[in-house]
């Protein structure tokens, strides 16, 4: 069943240009796709280093706007980095990326290529109705491979059971493992441009090519 997502009115008031690109699909999650890693290492890592050289990380398109949105929500973007910035900084420092699985690796490819934060969630572990909102005071969850993360004032994805993820770091509840059969991938945009449409198009292509995604539904929430 297709998930529904709304953007909270209070978030829209603070940052009117927020939009979310959505991809929902069936998939058999594998450990690794060699062709994807060849593409990342040969083309994408070099492109990212060139962008850092041209702009500086904080000024890279779509990271710049995400940082400004974090400030508007009341979060320091230098302490709580948008996930695309954290990934790009790792590449700039020569640390590369973690190999996780085919879905998460494609998730990271979309993110570093576009500058947008991208989150992928096991559809079986989230409710059908979702909301993208600003984290509430005192709100936390257990991050993937981390302790409790404070998510107050961060852009947060939630359902009726509570917060699932954010554009900084996702929770363990809906993390992608090799047991996932249906996935919802969200591209979080705080920019006033057409880059989200391109990222969604490329994301669909990469998920088919490198993760074997099928029956992909694609839409944008504004």
Foldseek 3Di string as FASTA:
>chain_A
DAFAEAEDPVLCVLFVQKKKKKKKFFFQKFQFFPVLVCCCVVPLLVVLLVQCVVQNLCRRPQQVLLCVSLVSLPHHCVVQPQQLSVQSVCSNVVNHDDRGIQVVSLQNVLCVVLVWQKDKFQPVQADRYKYWYAADPPDWAQFDVHGIDDRHSFGFIADPVGTAQGSRTGHPRGDDDSPRGMMMMMTIGSDDDCSNVVSQVVSVVSCCVRGVTPPMDIDMYD
